Amino acid sequence: MWGVLMSVVAIVLMKSGGLANLQTMTLMVALPFAVLMLVMCFSLWKGLNADKNTLRLKLIQPVFSGRGKNGKTAWNK
C-alpha cells in the first residue's frame, strides 16, 4: 500500500510540474530523516565513548582496590 501511494504521489508531481517539483518534494521529505540520522550517529558515538570509559574504570579499579594504608596488598594480610 505504501509503495503504491508513493508511486501515485511521484506520478502526480511529475505531471503537475515536472522533475523540479519531484526533486523539491523528495528533498523536503528526506531532510528531517537526514537530521535524525545525524542525531542518532552522535548519540551512538557518545554511548560508545561512555562504554569505553566505563570499561576502562572497571579494569583499573581492581589494580588500586587491593592497596591498604601501608601500601600492603590485601593478599599479604
N, C-alpha and C. Protein backbone atom coordinates (compact mmCIF):
# COMPACT_ATOMS: atom_id res chain seq x y z
N MET A 1 0.82 -1.19 0.00
CA MET A 1 0.00 0.00 0.00
C MET A 1 0.87 1.26 0.00
N TRP A 2 1.93 1.26 0.83
CA TRP A 2 2.81 2.41 0.92
C TRP A 2 3.51 2.66 -0.41
N GLY A 3 3.98 1.60 -1.05
CA GLY A 3 4.65 1.74 -2.34
C GLY A 3 3.73 2.30 -3.41
N VAL A 4 2.49 1.86 -3.40
CA VAL A 4 1.51 2.35 -4.38
C VAL A 4 1.25 3.84 -4.15
N LEU A 5 1.10 4.22 -2.89
CA LEU A 5 0.86 5.62 -2.56
C LEU A 5 2.05 6.50 -2.98
N MET A 6 3.24 6.04 -2.73
CA MET A 6 4.43 6.80 -3.13
C MET A 6 4.53 6.91 -4.65
N SER A 7 4.17 5.86 -5.35
CA SER A 7 4.18 5.90 -6.82
C SER A 7 3.17 6.89 -7.35
N VAL A 8 1.98 6.91 -6.76
CA VAL A 8 0.95 7.86 -7.19
C VAL A 8 1.40 9.29 -6.94
N VAL A 9 1.99 9.54 -5.78
CA VAL A 9 2.48 10.89 -5.46
C VAL A 9 3.56 11.30 -6.46
N ALA A 10 4.48 10.40 -6.78
CA ALA A 10 5.54 10.71 -7.75
C ALA A 10 4.96 11.00 -9.12
N ILE A 11 3.98 10.23 -9.56
CA ILE A 11 3.36 10.44 -10.87
C ILE A 11 2.63 11.78 -10.91
N VAL A 12 1.89 12.10 -9.85
CA VAL A 12 1.17 13.37 -9.79
C VAL A 12 2.14 14.55 -9.83
N LEU A 13 3.23 14.45 -9.08
CA LEU A 13 4.21 15.53 -9.09
C LEU A 13 4.88 15.68 -10.45
N MET A 14 5.14 14.57 -11.11
CA MET A 14 5.75 14.63 -12.45
C MET A 14 4.80 15.28 -13.44
N LYS A 15 3.51 14.97 -13.34
CA LYS A 15 2.51 15.54 -14.26
C LYS A 15 2.29 17.02 -13.99
N SER A 16 2.31 17.41 -12.71
CA SER A 16 1.96 18.80 -12.37
C SER A 16 3.09 19.79 -12.64
N GLY A 17 4.31 19.42 -12.37
CA GLY A 17 5.37 20.41 -12.52
C GLY A 17 6.67 19.86 -13.03
N GLY A 18 6.71 18.62 -13.34
CA GLY A 18 7.93 18.04 -13.87
C GLY A 18 8.91 17.61 -12.79
N LEU A 19 10.14 17.49 -13.22
CA LEU A 19 11.19 16.95 -12.37
C LEU A 19 11.53 17.88 -11.21
N ALA A 20 11.42 19.17 -11.41
CA ALA A 20 11.78 20.13 -10.35
C ALA A 20 10.88 19.95 -9.13
N ASN A 21 9.59 19.79 -9.34
CA ASN A 21 8.68 19.58 -8.20
C ASN A 21 8.97 18.26 -7.50
N LEU A 22 9.26 17.23 -8.26
CA LEU A 22 9.57 15.92 -7.68
C LEU A 22 10.84 16.00 -6.84
N GLN A 23 11.85 16.70 -7.34
CA GLN A 23 13.10 16.84 -6.59
C GLN A 23 12.89 17.67 -5.32
N THR A 24 12.10 18.72 -5.42
CA THR A 24 11.82 19.55 -4.24
C THR A 24 11.09 18.76 -3.17
N MET A 25 10.10 18.00 -3.58
CA MET A 25 9.34 17.19 -2.63
C MET A 25 10.23 16.11 -1.99
N THR A 26 11.08 15.51 -2.79
CA THR A 26 11.99 14.49 -2.26
C THR A 26 12.92 15.09 -1.21
N LEU A 27 13.45 16.27 -1.49
CA LEU A 27 14.33 16.94 -0.55
C LEU A 27 13.60 17.32 0.73
N MET A 28 12.39 17.81 0.61
CA MET A 28 11.61 18.19 1.79
C MET A 28 11.27 16.99 2.66
N VAL A 29 11.04 15.85 2.06
CA VAL A 29 10.71 14.64 2.83
C VAL A 29 11.97 14.03 3.44
N ALA A 30 13.09 14.09 2.73
CA ALA A 30 14.31 13.41 3.18
C ALA A 30 15.09 14.21 4.21
N LEU A 31 14.97 15.52 4.22
CA LEU A 31 15.77 16.34 5.12
C LEU A 31 15.54 16.03 6.61
N PRO A 32 14.31 15.89 7.09
CA PRO A 32 14.14 15.54 8.51
C PRO A 32 14.76 14.19 8.87
N PHE A 33 14.70 13.24 7.96
CA PHE A 33 15.32 11.94 8.23
C PHE A 33 16.83 12.05 8.28
N ALA A 34 17.41 12.90 7.44
CA ALA A 34 18.85 13.11 7.46
C ALA A 34 19.29 13.73 8.79
N VAL A 35 18.53 14.69 9.26
CA VAL A 35 18.85 15.32 10.56
C VAL A 35 18.72 14.28 11.68
N LEU A 36 17.69 13.48 11.62
CA LEU A 36 17.51 12.43 12.62
C LEU A 36 18.67 11.43 12.60
N MET A 37 19.13 11.08 11.43
CA MET A 37 20.27 10.16 11.32
C MET A 37 21.54 10.77 11.92
N LEU A 38 21.75 12.07 11.72
CA LEU A 38 22.91 12.74 12.32
C LEU A 38 22.82 12.73 13.84
N VAL A 39 21.64 12.97 14.38
CA VAL A 39 21.45 12.92 15.83
C VAL A 39 21.71 11.51 16.36
N MET A 40 21.24 10.51 15.63
CA MET A 40 21.46 9.12 16.06
C MET A 40 22.93 8.75 15.99
N CYS A 41 23.66 9.22 14.99
CA CYS A 41 25.10 8.97 14.90
C CYS A 41 25.83 9.61 16.08
N PHE A 42 25.46 10.83 16.41
CA PHE A 42 26.08 11.50 17.56
C PHE A 42 25.78 10.75 18.85
N SER A 43 24.56 10.28 19.02
CA SER A 43 24.19 9.53 20.23
C SER A 43 24.96 8.22 20.32
N LEU A 44 25.12 7.54 19.18
CA LEU A 44 25.90 6.30 19.17
C LEU A 44 27.35 6.56 19.55
N TRP A 45 27.94 7.61 18.99
CA TRP A 45 29.32 7.96 19.29
C TRP A 45 29.49 8.27 20.78
N LYS A 46 28.54 9.02 21.33
CA LYS A 46 28.57 9.37 22.74
C LYS A 46 28.43 8.13 23.63
N GLY A 47 27.54 7.22 23.25
CA GLY A 47 27.35 5.99 24.02
C GLY A 47 28.56 5.08 23.97
N LEU A 48 29.19 4.98 22.81
CA LEU A 48 30.39 4.16 22.70
C LEU A 48 31.53 4.73 23.55
N ASN A 49 31.66 6.03 23.59
CA ASN A 49 32.69 6.64 24.44
C ASN A 49 32.39 6.39 25.91
N ALA A 50 31.13 6.46 26.30
CA ALA A 50 30.76 6.19 27.69
C ALA A 50 31.07 4.74 28.06
N ASP A 51 30.78 3.81 27.16
CA ASP A 51 31.09 2.40 27.42
C ASP A 51 32.59 2.19 27.54
N LYS A 52 33.36 2.86 26.69
CA LYS A 52 34.81 2.73 26.73
C LYS A 52 35.35 3.23 28.06
N ASN A 53 34.84 4.36 28.53
CA ASN A 53 35.29 4.91 29.81
C ASN A 53 34.88 4.02 30.98
N THR A 54 33.68 3.46 30.92
CA THR A 54 33.22 2.56 31.98
C THR A 54 34.09 1.31 32.03
N LEU A 55 34.41 0.75 30.88
CA LEU A 55 35.26 -0.44 30.84
C LEU A 55 36.65 -0.12 31.36
N ARG A 56 37.17 1.04 31.00
CA ARG A 56 38.49 1.43 31.47
C ARG A 56 38.50 1.53 33.00
N LEU A 57 37.45 2.11 33.59
CA LEU A 57 37.39 2.22 35.04
C LEU A 57 37.26 0.85 35.70
N LYS A 58 36.51 -0.05 35.08
CA LYS A 58 36.36 -1.39 35.65
C LYS A 58 37.67 -2.17 35.60
N LEU A 59 38.50 -1.90 34.61
CA LEU A 59 39.78 -2.59 34.52
C LEU A 59 40.82 -1.99 35.45
N ILE A 60 40.76 -0.68 35.69
CA ILE A 60 41.74 -0.02 36.54
C ILE A 60 41.41 -0.20 38.01
N GLN A 61 40.15 -0.24 38.37
CA GLN A 61 39.73 -0.29 39.77
C GLN A 61 40.34 -1.47 40.54
N PRO A 62 40.37 -2.70 40.01
CA PRO A 62 40.97 -3.80 40.79
C PRO A 62 42.44 -3.60 41.09
N VAL A 63 43.15 -2.85 40.26
CA VAL A 63 44.57 -2.61 40.50
C VAL A 63 44.76 -1.79 41.76
N PHE A 64 43.92 -0.79 41.97
CA PHE A 64 44.08 0.09 43.11
C PHE A 64 43.27 -0.35 44.33
N SER A 65 42.30 -1.21 44.18
CA SER A 65 41.43 -1.57 45.31
C SER A 65 42.12 -2.49 46.30
N GLY A 66 43.17 -3.19 45.93
CA GLY A 66 43.83 -4.11 46.84
C GLY A 66 44.84 -3.45 47.75
N ARG A 67 45.08 -2.17 47.64
CA ARG A 67 46.08 -1.48 48.46
C ARG A 67 45.48 -1.03 49.79
N GLY A 68 46.22 -1.25 50.85
CA GLY A 68 45.79 -0.80 52.17
C GLY A 68 46.46 0.51 52.55
N LYS A 69 46.42 0.85 53.85
CA LYS A 69 47.01 2.11 54.31
C LYS A 69 48.52 2.13 54.14
N ASN A 70 49.16 1.02 54.41
CA ASN A 70 50.62 0.96 54.37
C ASN A 70 51.15 0.51 53.02
N GLY A 71 50.31 0.43 52.04
CA GLY A 71 50.76 0.00 50.73
C GLY A 71 50.79 -1.50 50.57
N LYS A 72 50.37 -2.24 51.61
CA LYS A 72 50.36 -3.69 51.51
C LYS A 72 49.14 -4.14 50.73
N THR A 73 49.28 -5.22 50.02
CA THR A 73 48.15 -5.74 49.26
C THR A 73 47.25 -6.56 50.17
N ALA A 74 46.03 -6.77 49.73
CA ALA A 74 45.04 -7.49 50.53
C ALA A 74 45.46 -8.94 50.75
N TRP A 75 46.18 -9.53 49.84
CA TRP A 75 46.55 -10.94 50.00
C TRP A 75 47.77 -11.12 50.89
N ASN A 76 48.38 -10.03 51.36
CA ASN A 76 49.54 -10.10 52.25
C ASN A 76 49.16 -9.94 53.71
N LYS A 77 47.92 -10.05 54.07
CA LYS A 77 47.46 -9.81 55.44
C LYS A 77 48.14 -10.66 56.44
